[in-house]
Amino acid sequence: MVLPWFYHRFYFVSGLEAPKMCGRCACTRGPAGVARACAYRNRKDVVVEPNWVLNSDKGYWPSYNVCPQSYTPVLISAAHSHVMQAGCSDSNERVLQSMKWGLVPSWHKGDADNFSTLCTNCRSESMLTKPSFRGAISKGQRCVILADGFYEWQRAKPGKQPYFVTFADTTPTKESIQLCKDDDVFDDDTQSSPFKGRMLTMAGYFDIWRPANGAGQELFTYTIITVKSKPPFSEIHDRLPAILDGDDAISQWLDFQNVSMEKAVDLIHPVDSLKWYPVSTTVNNSRNKSPDCVKEIDPSTKKLPSTQPSLLKWVTRSSQKKQSSGNDSDGPPTKKEKL
């Protein structure tokens, strides 16, 4: 069955049901900020920042509320053929590329938008046997999906309580979030993200879909691997993304030439380096892109600590822009648009 175009927007915006694991994240740093956060020590013992390839940094927009079908930054090995053809610095062993969240397998015939299964996640227990992922796995197309953190919904009475999950050592402070204005996230590399240090690194696969007639552009898409969670996170949800904790794990996962899939699978397991806290149901609406999405709240009050008027202003402005453009995808709002 082909899902109607409005399915995902209704699913997220209606508030009737929260996204399934893992269905929403925050990635608030501009392209240069992402590269800085992903600096690593290469085999020559030199610290380098990964390059963006194929000008894909132009298709990525930072956001506090990223939903499937959005373009986000991923890390891949520089040894993949399309990267080598594009040309890359000899010092780079890994590169950054913006890809669309929701894997479309290379074998799919017809329009990529008509692929009927939304492969945003793949379960680690069954990923080696699923046809949708078989091609990407056999080609060693492993990737690391980057974000500041992801959202998860805990069943509560009434409704569901959203939580924001990130590395414990990069959790933003209330003060750093307060300093961020709604427009800051759209200022590219001059924006002030409340997140500092390393980014959350999630294991995944990517695939490359090409039009059957050879006309048109290649489509790069990815899926996030999920694993069974363990206490205490299992009190929030029974699954979570497969987190690669540390540069050694990232290097092994990306090195498809020297690390077999059998060995790489050993890297897929729950980690103990995460922290989470409750946030407002503001994040339930995928159109809400303000810093309010990552602000910690008291679940008993269900209220934001501040800046509701600012959020309302952004939603109104964004709605006006989308109505005028007819574009319902994630993208930068027009900053100086008059209300």
C-alpha atoms as a PDB file:
ATOM      1  CA  MET A   1       0.000   0.000   0.000  1.00  0.00           C
ATOM      2  CA  VAL A   2       1.305   3.451  -0.917  1.00  0.00           C
ATOM      3  CA  LEU A   3       0.940   5.891   1.959  1.00  0.00           C
ATOM      4  CA  PRO A   4      -0.807   9.173   1.089  1.00  0.00           C
ATOM      5  CA  TRP A   5       1.299  12.312   1.134  1.00  0.00           C
ATOM      6  CA  PHE A   6      -0.448  13.664   4.208  1.00  0.00           C
ATOM      7  CA  TYR A   7       0.034  10.510   6.290  1.00  0.00           C
ATOM      8  CA  HIS A   8       3.194  11.481   8.114  1.00  0.00           C
ATOM      9  CA  ARG A   9       2.149  15.046   8.796  1.00  0.00           C
ATOM     10  CA  PHE A  10      -1.206  13.949  10.189  1.00  0.00           C
ATOM     11  CA  TYR A  11       0.432  11.202  12.193  1.00  0.00           C
ATOM     12  CA  PHE A  12       2.788  13.641  13.898  1.00  0.00           C
ATOM     13  CA  VAL A  13       0.638  16.753  14.061  1.00  0.00           C
ATOM     14  CA  SER A  14      -2.662  15.262  15.186  1.00  0.00           C
ATOM     15  CA  GLY A  15      -1.410  14.455  18.673  1.00  0.00           C
ATOM     16  CA  LEU A  16      -3.491  11.261  18.614  1.00  0.00           C
ATOM     17  CA  GLU A  17      -0.431   9.063  18.705  1.00  0.00           C
ATOM     18  CA  ALA A  18       3.275   9.613  19.269  1.00  0.00           C
ATOM     19  CA  PRO A  19       5.887   8.535  16.691  1.00  0.00           C
ATOM     20  CA  LYS A  20       7.243   5.012  16.883  1.00  0.00           C
ATOM     21  CA  MET A  21      10.826   4.414  17.992  1.00  0.00           C
ATOM     22  CA  CYS A  22      12.968   6.052  16.686  1.00  0.00           C
ATOM     23  CA  GLY A  23      10.824   8.701  15.007  1.00  0.00           C
ATOM     24  CA  ARG A  24      12.048  12.156  15.968  1.00  0.00           C
ATOM     25  CA  CYS A  25      15.354  13.816  16.836  1.00  0.00           C
ATOM     26  CA  ALA A  26      17.091  17.176  17.210  1.00  0.00           C
ATOM     27  CA  CYS A  27      20.071  18.278  15.125  1.00  0.00           C
ATOM     28  CA  THR A  28      20.721  21.949  15.798  1.00  0.00           C
ATOM     29  CA  ARG A  29      24.274  22.583  14.567  1.00  0.00           C
ATOM     30  CA  GLY A  30      25.135  24.087  11.213  1.00  0.00           C
ATOM     31  CA  PRO A  31      27.276  22.181   8.670  1.00  0.00           C
ATOM     32  CA  ALA A  32      30.589  23.551   9.994  1.00  0.00           C
ATOM     33  CA  GLY A  33      29.480  22.896  13.568  1.00  0.00           C
ATOM     34  CA  VAL A  34      28.678  19.291  12.686  1.00  0.00           C
ATOM     35  CA  ALA A  35      32.128  18.864  11.117  1.00  0.00           C
ATOM     36  CA  ARG A  36      33.841  20.302  14.193  1.00  0.00           C
ATOM     37  CA  ALA A  37      31.914  17.979  16.490  1.00  0.00           C
ATOM     38  CA  CYS A  38      32.971  14.997  14.351  1.00  0.00           C
ATOM     39  CA  ALA A  39      36.723  15.707  14.336  1.00  0.00           C
ATOM     40  CA  TYR A  40      38.745  12.518  14.731  1.00  0.00           C
ATOM     41  CA  ARG A  41      42.323  11.245  14.722  1.00  0.00           C
ATOM     42  CA  ASN A  42      43.147   9.519  11.437  1.00  0.00           C
ATOM     43  CA  ARG A  43      45.612   6.695  10.777  1.00  0.00           C
ATOM     44  CA  LYS A  44      48.420   9.229  10.390  1.00  0.00           C
ATOM     45  CA  ASP A  45      47.704  10.397  13.955  1.00  0.00           C
ATOM     46  CA  VAL A  46      46.431  13.768  12.710  1.00  0.00           C
ATOM     47  CA  VAL A  47      43.207  15.304  14.011  1.00  0.00           C
ATOM     48  CA  VAL A  48      40.997  16.213  11.045  1.00  0.00           C
ATOM     49  CA  GLU A  49      37.423  17.283  10.436  1.00  0.00           C
ATOM     50  CA  PRO A  50      35.434  15.241   7.914  1.00  0.00           C
ATOM     51  CA  ASN A  51      34.592  16.987   4.650  1.00  0.00           C
ATOM     52  CA  TRP A  52      31.066  17.328   3.286  1.00  0.00           C
ATOM     53  CA  VAL A  53      30.744  15.561  -0.076  1.00  0.00           C
ATOM     54  CA  LEU A  54      28.525  16.188  -3.113  1.00  0.00           C
ATOM     55  CA  ASN A  55      27.639  19.658  -1.743  1.00  0.00           C
ATOM     56  CA  SER A  56      25.186  17.803   0.457  1.00  0.00           C
ATOM     57  CA  ASP A  57      25.582  20.320   3.291  1.00  0.00           C
ATOM     58  CA  LYS A  58      23.299  22.563   1.206  1.00  0.00           C
ATOM     59  CA  GLY A  59      20.396  20.143   1.633  1.00  0.00           C
ATOM     60  CA  TYR A  60      20.612  19.946   5.422  1.00  0.00           C
ATOM     61  CA  TRP A  61      18.697  22.328   7.684  1.00  0.00           C
ATOM     62  CA  PRO A  62      19.371  22.335  11.449  1.00  0.00           C
ATOM     63  CA  SER A  63      16.262  21.768  13.535  1.00  0.00           C
ATOM     64  CA  TYR A  64      15.100  21.112  17.085  1.00  0.00           C
ATOM     65  CA  ASN A  65      12.419  18.796  15.723  1.00  0.00           C
ATOM     66  CA  VAL A  66      13.518  16.532  12.862  1.00  0.00           C
ATOM     67  CA  CYS A  67      11.032  13.985  11.545  1.00  0.00           C
ATOM     68  CA  PRO A  68      11.345  11.168   8.970  1.00  0.00           C
ATOM     69  CA  GLN A  69      11.734  12.199   5.328  1.00  0.00           C
ATOM     70  CA  SER A  70      14.046  15.033   6.428  1.00  0.00           C
ATOM     71  CA  TYR A  71      17.665  15.344   5.305  1.00  0.00           C
ATOM     72  CA  THR A  72      20.186  15.006   8.135  1.00  0.00           C
ATOM     73  CA  PRO A  73      23.985  14.568   8.376  1.00  0.00           C
ATOM     74  CA  VAL A  74      25.517  11.095   8.391  1.00  0.00           C
ATOM     75  CA  LEU A  75      29.108   9.859   8.545  1.00  0.00           C
ATOM     76  CA  ILE A  76      30.299   7.290   6.015  1.00  0.00           C
ATOM     77  CA  SER A  77      33.624   5.806   4.977  1.00  0.00           C
ATOM     78  CA  ALA A  78      35.567   7.725   2.340  1.00  0.00           C
ATOM     79  CA  ALA A  79      36.237   4.378   0.649  1.00  0.00           C
ATOM     80  CA  HIS A  80      32.748   4.158  -0.862  1.00  0.00           C
ATOM     81  CA  SER A  81      32.887   4.438  -4.632  1.00  0.00           C
ATOM     82  CA  HIS A  82      30.643   7.500  -4.958  1.00  0.00           C
ATOM     83  CA  VAL A  83      32.853   9.373  -2.472  1.00  0.00           C
ATOM     84  CA  MET A  84      36.051   8.443  -4.291  1.00  0.00           C
ATOM     85  CA  GLN A  85      34.538   9.566  -7.588  1.00  0.00           C
ATOM     86  CA  ALA A  86      33.606  12.917  -6.048  1.00  0.00           C
ATOM     87  CA  GLY A  87      37.175  13.469  -4.873  1.00  0.00           C
ATOM     88  CA  CYS A  88      38.211  13.809  -1.258  1.00  0.00           C
ATOM     89  CA  SER A  89      41.221  14.890   0.772  1.00  0.00           C
ATOM     90  CA  ASP A  90      43.775  12.124   1.291  1.00  0.00           C
ATOM     91  CA  SER A  91      43.652  12.823   5.029  1.00  0.00           C
ATOM     92  CA  ASN A  92      39.945  11.998   5.222  1.00  0.00           C
ATOM     93  CA  GLU A  93      38.994   8.439   6.115  1.00  0.00           C
ATOM     94  CA  ARG A  94      35.386   9.388   6.774  1.00  0.00           C
ATOM     95  CA  VAL A  95      33.147  12.043   5.243  1.00  0.00           C
ATOM     96  CA  LEU A  96      29.863  13.801   5.937  1.00  0.00           C
ATOM     97  CA  GLN A  97      26.869  13.541   3.653  1.00  0.00           C
ATOM     98  CA  SER A  98      23.294  14.750   3.961  1.00  0.00           C
ATOM     99  CA  MET A  99      20.853  11.878   3.402  1.00  0.00           C
ATOM    100  CA  LYS A 100      17.104  11.415   3.624  1.00  0.00           C
ATOM    101  CA  TRP A 101      15.734   9.643   6.694  1.00  0.00           C
ATOM    102  CA  GLY A 102      13.743   6.595   5.565  1.00  0.00           C
ATOM    103  CA  LEU A 103      15.581   4.000   3.496  1.00  0.00           C
ATOM    104  CA  VAL A 104      14.487   3.337  -0.093  1.00  0.00           C
ATOM    105  CA  PRO A 105      16.271   0.164  -1.312  1.00  0.00           C
ATOM    106  CA  SER A 106      18.246   0.301  -4.531  1.00  0.00           C
ATOM    107  CA  TRP A 107      16.128  -2.478  -6.059  1.00  0.00           C
ATOM    108  CA  HIS A 108      12.889  -0.488  -5.813  1.00  0.00           C
ATOM    109  CA  LYS A 109      11.254   0.038  -9.228  1.00  0.00           C
ATOM    110  CA  GLY A 110       9.321   3.180 -10.022  1.00  0.00           C
ATOM    111  CA  ASP A 111       9.261   6.514  -8.251  1.00  0.00           C
ATOM    112  CA  ALA A 112      11.170   6.555  -4.966  1.00  0.00           C
ATOM    113  CA  ASP A 113       8.321   8.522  -3.371  1.00  0.00           C
ATOM    114  CA  ASN A 114       6.034   5.558  -4.031  1.00  0.00           C
ATOM    115  CA  PHE A 115       8.012   3.062  -1.972  1.00  0.00           C
ATOM    116  CA  SER A 116       5.273   1.733   0.303  1.00  0.00           C
ATOM    117  CA  THR A 117       7.309   0.885   3.436  1.00  0.00           C
ATOM    118  CA  LEU A 118       8.669   3.672   5.616  1.00  0.00           C
ATOM    119  CA  CYS A 119      12.017   2.178   6.678  1.00  0.00           C
ATOM    120  CA  THR A 120      13.010   4.751   9.276  1.00  0.00           C
ATOM    121  CA  ASN A 121      14.230   2.031  11.662  1.00  0.00           C
ATOM    122  CA  CYS A 122      15.445  -1.532  11.369  1.00  0.00           C
ATOM    123  CA  ARG A 123      15.492  -4.021  14.230  1.00  0.00           C
ATOM    124  CA  SER A 124      18.929  -5.463  14.952  1.00  0.00           C
ATOM    125  CA  GLU A 125      17.408  -8.910  15.538  1.00  0.00           C
ATOM    126  CA  SER A 126      16.008  -9.196  12.008  1.00  0.00           C
ATOM    127  CA  MET A 127      18.000  -6.735   9.905  1.00  0.00           C
ATOM    128  CA  LEU A 128      20.140  -9.425   8.237  1.00  0.00           C
ATOM    129  CA  THR A 129      17.086 -11.196   6.828  1.00  0.00           C
ATOM    130  CA  LYS A 130      14.908  -8.289   5.685  1.00  0.00           C
ATOM    131  CA  PRO A 131      14.849  -7.731   1.889  1.00  0.00           C
ATOM    132  CA  SER A 132      14.755  -3.937   2.309  1.00  0.00           C
ATOM    133  CA  PHE A 133      18.173  -3.918   4.013  1.00  0.00           C
ATOM    134  CA  ARG A 134      19.850  -6.897   2.348  1.00  0.00           C
ATOM    135  CA  GLY A 135      21.398  -4.891  -0.484  1.00  0.00           C
ATOM    136  CA  ALA A 136      22.812  -2.169   1.738  1.00  0.00           C
ATOM    137  CA  ILE A 137      24.255  -4.717   4.172  1.00  0.00           C
ATOM    138  CA  SER A 138      25.859  -6.836   1.448  1.00  0.00           C
ATOM    139  CA  LYS A 139      27.560  -3.743  -0.009  1.00  0.00           C
ATOM    140  CA  GLY A 140      28.907  -2.654   3.384  1.00  0.00           C
ATOM    141  CA  GLN A 141      26.885   0.557   3.274  1.00  0.00           C
ATOM    142  CA  ARG A 142      27.118   1.214   7.001  1.00  0.00           C
ATOM    143  CA  CYS A 143      26.698   4.765   8.258  1.00  0.00           C
ATOM    144  CA  VAL A 144      26.579   6.786  11.473  1.00  0.00           C
ATOM    145  CA  ILE A 145      23.551   9.032  11.864  1.00  0.00           C
ATOM    146  CA  LEU A 146      24.336  12.254  13.737  1.00  0.00           C
ATOM    147  CA  ALA A 147      22.046  14.190  16.059  1.00  0.00           C
ATOM    148  CA  ASP A 148      22.145  16.153  19.276  1.00  0.00           C
ATOM    149  CA  GLY A 149      19.628  13.704  20.697  1.00  0.00           C
ATOM    150  CA  PHE A 150      16.371  11.907  19.997  1.00  0.00           C
ATOM    151  CA  TYR A 151      12.857  12.018  21.434  1.00  0.00           C
ATOM    152  CA  GLU A 152      11.010   9.105  22.926  1.00  0.00           C
ATOM    153  CA  TRP A 153       7.473   8.863  24.284  1.00  0.00           C
ATOM    154  CA  GLN A 154       6.589   7.052  27.505  1.00  0.00           C
ATOM    155  CA  ARG A 155       3.076   5.805  27.988  1.00  0.00           C
ATOM    156  CA  ALA A 156       1.503   7.897  30.739  1.00  0.00           C
ATOM    157  CA  LYS A 157      -1.926   8.773  32.058  1.00  0.00           C
ATOM    158  CA  PRO A 158      -3.313  10.582  30.235  1.00  0.00           C
ATOM    159  CA  GLY A 159      -1.596  10.329  26.847  1.00  0.00           C
ATOM    160  CA  LYS A 160       2.160   9.941  26.396  1.00  0.00           C
ATOM    161  CA  GLN A 161       5.037  11.859  27.976  1.00  0.00           C
ATOM    162  CA  PRO A 162       7.890  12.832  25.604  1.00  0.00           C
ATOM    163  CA  TYR A 163      11.515  12.602  26.755  1.00  0.00           C
ATOM    164  CA  PHE A 164      14.686  13.960  25.198  1.00  0.00           C
ATOM    165  CA  VAL A 165      17.617  11.531  25.129  1.00  0.00           C
ATOM    166  CA  THR A 166      21.271  12.416  24.543  1.00  0.00           C
ATOM    167  CA  PHE A 167      24.782  11.629  25.764  1.00  0.00           C
ATOM    168  CA  ALA A 168      25.098  12.381  29.476  1.00  0.00           C
ATOM    169  CA  ASP A 169      28.223  14.499  28.904  1.00  0.00           C
ATOM    170  CA  THR A 170      26.586  16.781  26.299  1.00  0.00           C
ATOM    171  CA  THR A 171      23.231  17.466  27.947  1.00  0.00           C
ATOM    172  CA  PRO A 172      22.373  21.171  27.426  1.00  0.00           C
ATOM    173  CA  THR A 173      21.909  23.413  30.450  1.00  0.00           C
ATOM    174  CA  LYS A 174      18.781  25.463  31.054  1.00  0.00           C
ATOM    175  CA  GLU A 175      20.902  28.590  30.668  1.00  0.00           C
ATOM    176  CA  SER A 176      22.317  27.543  27.269  1.00  0.00           C
ATOM    177  CA  ILE A 177      18.843  26.764  25.928  1.00  0.00           C
ATOM    178  CA  GLN A 178      17.482  30.062  27.242  1.00  0.00           C
ATOM    179  CA  LEU A 179      20.107  31.962  25.231  1.00  0.00           C
ATOM    180  CA  CYS A 180      18.925  30.404  21.954  1.00  0.00           C
ATOM    181  CA  LYS A 181      16.270  32.301  20.065  1.00  0.00           C
ATOM    182  CA  ASP A 182      13.848  30.691  17.667  1.00  0.00           C
ATOM    183  CA  ASP A 183      15.701  32.058  14.634  1.00  0.00           C
ATOM    184  CA  ASP A 184      19.185  31.057  15.815  1.00  0.00           C
ATOM    185  CA  VAL A 185      18.952  27.521  14.497  1.00  0.00           C
ATOM    186  CA  PHE A 186      18.471  28.815  10.956  1.00  0.00           C
ATOM    187  CA  ASP A 187      21.570  31.001  10.948  1.00  0.00           C
ATOM    188  CA  ASP A 188      23.694  28.115   9.645  1.00  0.00           C
ATOM    189  CA  ASP A 189      27.171  28.228  11.181  1.00  0.00           C
ATOM    190  CA  THR A 190      26.643  31.468  13.096  1.00  0.00           C
ATOM    191  CA  GLN A 191      23.766  29.928  15.036  1.00  0.00           C
ATOM    192  CA  SER A 192      24.082  29.299  18.756  1.00  0.00           C
ATOM    193  CA  SER A 193      23.293  25.680  19.515  1.00  0.00           C
ATOM    194  CA  PRO A 194      22.821  24.794  23.193  1.00  0.00           C
ATOM    195  CA  PHE A 195      24.660  21.523  22.551  1.00  0.00           C
ATOM    196  CA  LYS A 196      28.434  21.382  22.872  1.00  0.00           C
ATOM    197  CA  GLY A 197      30.987  18.632  22.402  1.00  0.00           C
ATOM    198  CA  ARG A 198      30.318  15.335  20.674  1.00  0.00           C
ATOM    199  CA  MET A 199      27.110  14.495  18.860  1.00  0.00           C
ATOM    200  CA  LEU A 200      24.924  11.444  19.430  1.00  0.00           C
ATOM    201  CA  THR A 201      26.163   8.747  17.028  1.00  0.00           C
ATOM    202  CA  MET A 202      23.625   6.140  15.902  1.00  0.00           C
ATOM    203  CA  ALA A 203      24.423   3.103  13.770  1.00  0.00           C
ATOM    204  CA  GLY A 204      22.554   2.654  10.518  1.00  0.00           C
ATOM    205  CA  TYR A 205      22.619   1.626   6.872  1.00  0.00           C
ATOM    206  CA  PHE A 206      22.303   3.742   3.762  1.00  0.00           C
ATOM    207  CA  ASP A 207      21.301   2.864   0.236  1.00  0.00           C
ATOM    208  CA  ILE A 208      21.420   4.579  -3.142  1.00  0.00           C
ATOM    209  CA  TRP A 209      18.313   4.555  -5.334  1.00  0.00           C
ATOM    210  CA  ARG A 210      18.749   5.388  -9.009  1.00  0.00           C
ATOM    211  CA  PRO A 211      16.005   6.104 -11.573  1.00  0.00           C
ATOM    212  CA  ALA A 212      15.380   3.131 -13.854  1.00  0.00           C
ATOM    213  CA  ASN A 213      15.818   5.165 -17.062  1.00  0.00           C
ATOM    214  CA  GLY A 214      19.017   6.799 -15.860  1.00  0.00           C
ATOM    215  CA  ALA A 215      17.408  10.237 -15.879  1.00  0.00           C
ATOM    216  CA  GLY A 216      17.311  12.213 -12.664  1.00  0.00           C
ATOM    217  CA  GLN A 217      19.422  12.345  -9.542  1.00  0.00           C
ATOM    218  CA  GLU A 218      20.499   9.569  -7.220  1.00  0.00           C
ATOM    219  CA  LEU A 219      18.670   9.420  -3.901  1.00  0.00           C
ATOM    220  CA  PHE A 220      20.661   8.669  -0.753  1.00  0.00           C
ATOM    221  CA  THR A 221      18.544   7.400   2.146  1.00  0.00           C
ATOM    222  CA  TYR A 222      19.218   5.734   5.491  1.00  0.00           C
ATOM    223  CA  THR A 223      17.643   3.768   8.314  1.00  0.00           C
ATOM    224  CA  ILE A 224      18.507   3.723  12.031  1.00  0.00           C
ATOM    225  CA  ILE A 225      19.228   0.389  13.722  1.00  0.00           C
ATOM    226  CA  THR A 226      17.339  -0.199  16.983  1.00  0.00           C
ATOM    227  CA  VAL A 227      18.017  -2.622  19.836  1.00  0.00           C
ATOM    228  CA  LYS A 228      16.131  -3.851  22.867  1.00  0.00           C
ATOM    229  CA  SER A 229      16.564  -1.433  25.738  1.00  0.00           C
ATOM    230  CA  LYS A 230      17.511  -2.326  29.291  1.00  0.00           C
ATOM    231  CA  PRO A 231      16.721  -0.715  32.655  1.00  0.00           C
ATOM    232  CA  PRO A 232      16.377   2.059  33.479  1.00  0.00           C
ATOM    233  CA  PHE A 233      15.626   3.246  29.912  1.00  0.00           C
ATOM    234  CA  SER A 234      13.221   0.345  29.389  1.00  0.00           C
ATOM    235  CA  GLU A 235      10.854   2.202  31.717  1.00  0.00           C
ATOM    236  CA  ILE A 236      10.557   4.788  28.932  1.00  0.00           C
ATOM    237  CA  HIS A 237      10.506   2.471  25.909  1.00  0.00           C
ATOM    238  CA  ASP A 238      11.377  -1.134  25.127  1.00  0.00           C
ATOM    239  CA  ARG A 239      13.694  -0.143  22.258  1.00  0.00           C
ATOM    240  CA  LEU A 240      16.281   2.530  21.491  1.00  0.00           C
ATOM    241  CA  PRO A 241      18.713   3.394  18.673  1.00  0.00           C
ATOM    242  CA  ALA A 242      21.967   1.449  18.476  1.00  0.00           C
ATOM    243  CA  ILE A 243      24.445   3.998  19.863  1.00  0.00           C
ATOM    244  CA  LEU A 244      28.122   3.871  18.898  1.00  0.00           C
ATOM    245  CA  ASP A 245      29.814   5.191  22.027  1.00  0.00           C
ATOM    246  CA  GLY A 246      33.342   6.369  21.271  1.00  0.00           C
ATOM    247  CA  ASP A 247      35.546   6.901  18.239  1.00  0.00           C
ATOM    248  CA  ASP A 248      36.834   3.332  18.207  1.00  0.00           C
ATOM    249  CA  ALA A 249      33.296   1.977  17.796  1.00  0.00           C
ATOM    250  CA  ILE A 250      32.592   4.548  15.063  1.00  0.00           C
ATOM    251  CA  SER A 251      35.787   3.625  13.174  1.00  0.00           C
ATOM    252  CA  GLN A 252      35.039  -0.097  13.274  1.00  0.00           C
ATOM    253  CA  TRP A 253      31.441   0.357  12.166  1.00  0.00           C
ATOM    254  CA  LEU A 254      32.423   2.532   9.188  1.00  0.00           C
ATOM    255  CA  ASP A 255      35.380   0.375   8.117  1.00  0.00           C
ATOM    256  CA  PHE A 256      33.470  -2.012   5.863  1.00  0.00           C
ATOM    257  CA  GLN A 257      36.690  -3.018   4.057  1.00  0.00           C
ATOM    258  CA  ASN A 258      38.462  -4.441   7.107  1.00  0.00           C
ATOM    259  CA  VAL A 259      35.682  -5.128   9.614  1.00  0.00           C
ATOM    260  CA  SER A 260      33.278  -7.844   8.531  1.00  0.00           C
ATOM    261  CA  MET A 261      29.562  -7.605   9.157  1.00  0.00           C
ATOM    262  CA  GLU A 262      29.846 -10.449  11.658  1.00  0.00           C
ATOM    263  CA  LYS A 263      32.314  -8.420  13.738  1.00  0.00           C
ATOM    264  CA  ALA A 264      30.453  -5.148  13.230  1.00  0.00           C
ATOM    265  CA  VAL A 265      27.261  -6.653  14.655  1.00  0.00           C
ATOM    266  CA  ASP A 266      29.057  -7.012  18.000  1.00  0.00           C
ATOM    267  CA  LEU A 267      29.024  -3.202  18.218  1.00  0.00           C
ATOM    268  CA  ILE A 268      25.218  -3.155  18.200  1.00  0.00           C
ATOM    269  CA  HIS A 269      24.018  -3.188  21.804  1.00  0.00           C
ATOM    270  CA  PRO A 270      22.527  -0.850  24.456  1.00  0.00           C
ATOM    271  CA  VAL A 271      24.919   1.602  26.121  1.00  0.00           C
ATOM    272  CA  ASP A 272      25.006   3.161  29.591  1.00  0.00           C
ATOM    273  CA  SER A 273      26.178   6.647  28.577  1.00  0.00           C
ATOM    274  CA  LEU A 274      22.762   8.201  27.903  1.00  0.00           C
ATOM    275  CA  LYS A 275      20.736  10.705  29.867  1.00  0.00           C
ATOM    276  CA  TRP A 276      17.088  11.656  29.415  1.00  0.00           C
ATOM    277  CA  TYR A 277      14.613  14.129  30.813  1.00  0.00           C
ATOM    278  CA  PRO A 278      10.933  15.015  30.230  1.00  0.00           C
ATOM    279  CA  VAL A 279      10.043  17.720  27.709  1.00  0.00           C
ATOM    280  CA  SER A 280       6.846  19.452  26.675  1.00  0.00           C
ATOM    281  CA  THR A 281       4.348  17.948  24.244  1.00  0.00           C
ATOM    282  CA  THR A 282       5.326  20.917  22.068  1.00  0.00           C
ATOM    283  CA  VAL A 283       7.534  18.409  20.247  1.00  0.00           C
ATOM    284  CA  ASN A 284       4.512  16.271  19.297  1.00  0.00           C
ATOM    285  CA  ASN A 285       3.770  18.739  16.504  1.00  0.00           C
ATOM    286  CA  SER A 286       6.457  18.346  13.842  1.00  0.00           C
ATOM    287  CA  ARG A 287       5.940  21.973  12.771  1.00  0.00           C
ATOM    288  CA  ASN A 288       7.247  23.218  16.123  1.00  0.00           C
ATOM    289  CA  LYS A 289      10.958  23.897  15.644  1.00  0.00           C
ATOM    290  CA  SER A 290      11.796  26.156  18.588  1.00  0.00           C
ATOM    291  CA  PRO A 291      14.264  25.508  21.455  1.00  0.00           C
ATOM    292  CA  ASP A 292      11.201  24.820  23.612  1.00  0.00           C
ATOM    293  CA  CYS A 293      11.289  21.288  22.214  1.00  0.00           C
ATOM    294  CA  VAL A 294      14.409  20.385  24.244  1.00  0.00           C
ATOM    295  CA  LYS A 295      13.594  22.272  27.449  1.00  0.00           C
ATOM    296  CA  GLU A 296      13.197  20.133  30.535  1.00  0.00           C
ATOM    297  CA  ILE A 297       9.823  20.371  32.260  1.00  0.00           C
ATOM    298  CA  ASP A 298       8.098  19.123  35.382  1.00  0.00           C
ATOM    299  CA  PRO A 299       5.773  16.371  34.067  1.00  0.00           C
ATOM    300  CA  SER A 300       3.280  17.077  36.834  1.00  0.00           C
ATOM    301  CA  THR A 301       2.646  20.589  35.514  1.00  0.00           C
ATOM    302  CA  LYS A 302       2.881  19.849  31.758  1.00  0.00           C
ATOM    303  CA  LYS A 303       3.977  23.471  31.294  1.00  0.00           C
ATOM    304  CA  LEU A 304       6.936  25.033  29.558  1.00  0.00           C
ATOM    305  CA  PRO A 305       9.299  27.122  31.669  1.00  0.00           C
ATOM    306  CA  SER A 306       9.108  30.059  29.233  1.00  0.00           C
ATOM    307  CA  THR A 307       8.878  31.454  25.657  1.00  0.00           C
ATOM    308  CA  GLN A 308       5.453  30.198  24.620  1.00  0.00           C
ATOM    309  CA  PRO A 309       4.672  33.508  22.831  1.00  0.00           C
ATOM    310  CA  SER A 310       7.876  33.121  20.821  1.00  0.00           C
ATOM    311  CA  LEU A 311       6.924  29.606  19.820  1.00  0.00           C
ATOM    312  CA  LEU A 312       3.448  30.712  18.749  1.00  0.00           C
ATOM    313  CA  LYS A 313       5.003  33.434  16.616  1.00  0.00           C
ATOM    314  CA  TRP A 314       7.218  30.902  14.826  1.00  0.00           C
ATOM    315  CA  VAL A 315       4.341  28.477  14.200  1.00  0.00           C
ATOM    316  CA  THR A 316       2.215  31.262  12.745  1.00  0.00           C
ATOM    317  CA  ARG A 317       5.036  32.460  10.524  1.00  0.00           C
ATOM    318  CA  SER A 318       5.912  28.935   9.368  1.00  0.00           C
ATOM    319  CA  SER A 319       2.273  28.198   8.566  1.00  0.00           C
ATOM    320  CA  GLN A 320       2.041  31.339   6.431  1.00  0.00           C
ATOM    321  CA  LYS A 321       5.150  30.372   4.521  1.00  0.00           C
ATOM    322  CA  LYS A 322       4.011  26.811   3.845  1.00  0.00           C
ATOM    323  CA  GLN A 323       0.595  27.979   2.698  1.00  0.00           C
ATOM    324  CA  SER A 324       2.165  30.351   0.229  1.00  0.00           C
ATOM    325  CA  SER A 325       4.788  27.902  -1.063  1.00  0.00           C
ATOM    326  CA  GLY A 326       2.807  24.671  -1.000  1.00  0.00           C
ATOM    327  CA  ASN A 327       5.879  22.926   0.410  1.00  0.00           C
ATOM    328  CA  ASP A 328       5.234  20.735   3.447  1.00  0.00           C
ATOM    329  CA  SER A 329       8.805  19.530   3.979  1.00  0.00           C
ATOM    330  CA  ASP A 330      11.288  20.637   6.592  1.00  0.00           C
ATOM    331  CA  GLY A 331      13.134  23.779   5.549  1.00  0.00           C
ATOM    332  CA  PRO A 332      14.249  27.180   6.741  1.00  0.00           C
ATOM    333  CA  PRO A 333      11.467  29.650   7.508  1.00  0.00           C
ATOM    334  CA  THR A 334      11.728  33.121   6.079  1.00  0.00           C
ATOM    335  CA  LYS A 335      13.141  35.120   8.952  1.00  0.00           C
ATOM    336  CA  LYS A 336      11.877  38.549   8.005  1.00  0.00           C
ATOM    337  CA  GLU A 337       8.440  37.459   6.894  1.00  0.00           C
ATOM    338  CA  LYS A 338       5.849  39.834   8.287  1.00  0.00           C
ATOM    339  CA  LEU A 339       2.977  38.436  10.312  1.00  0.00           C
END
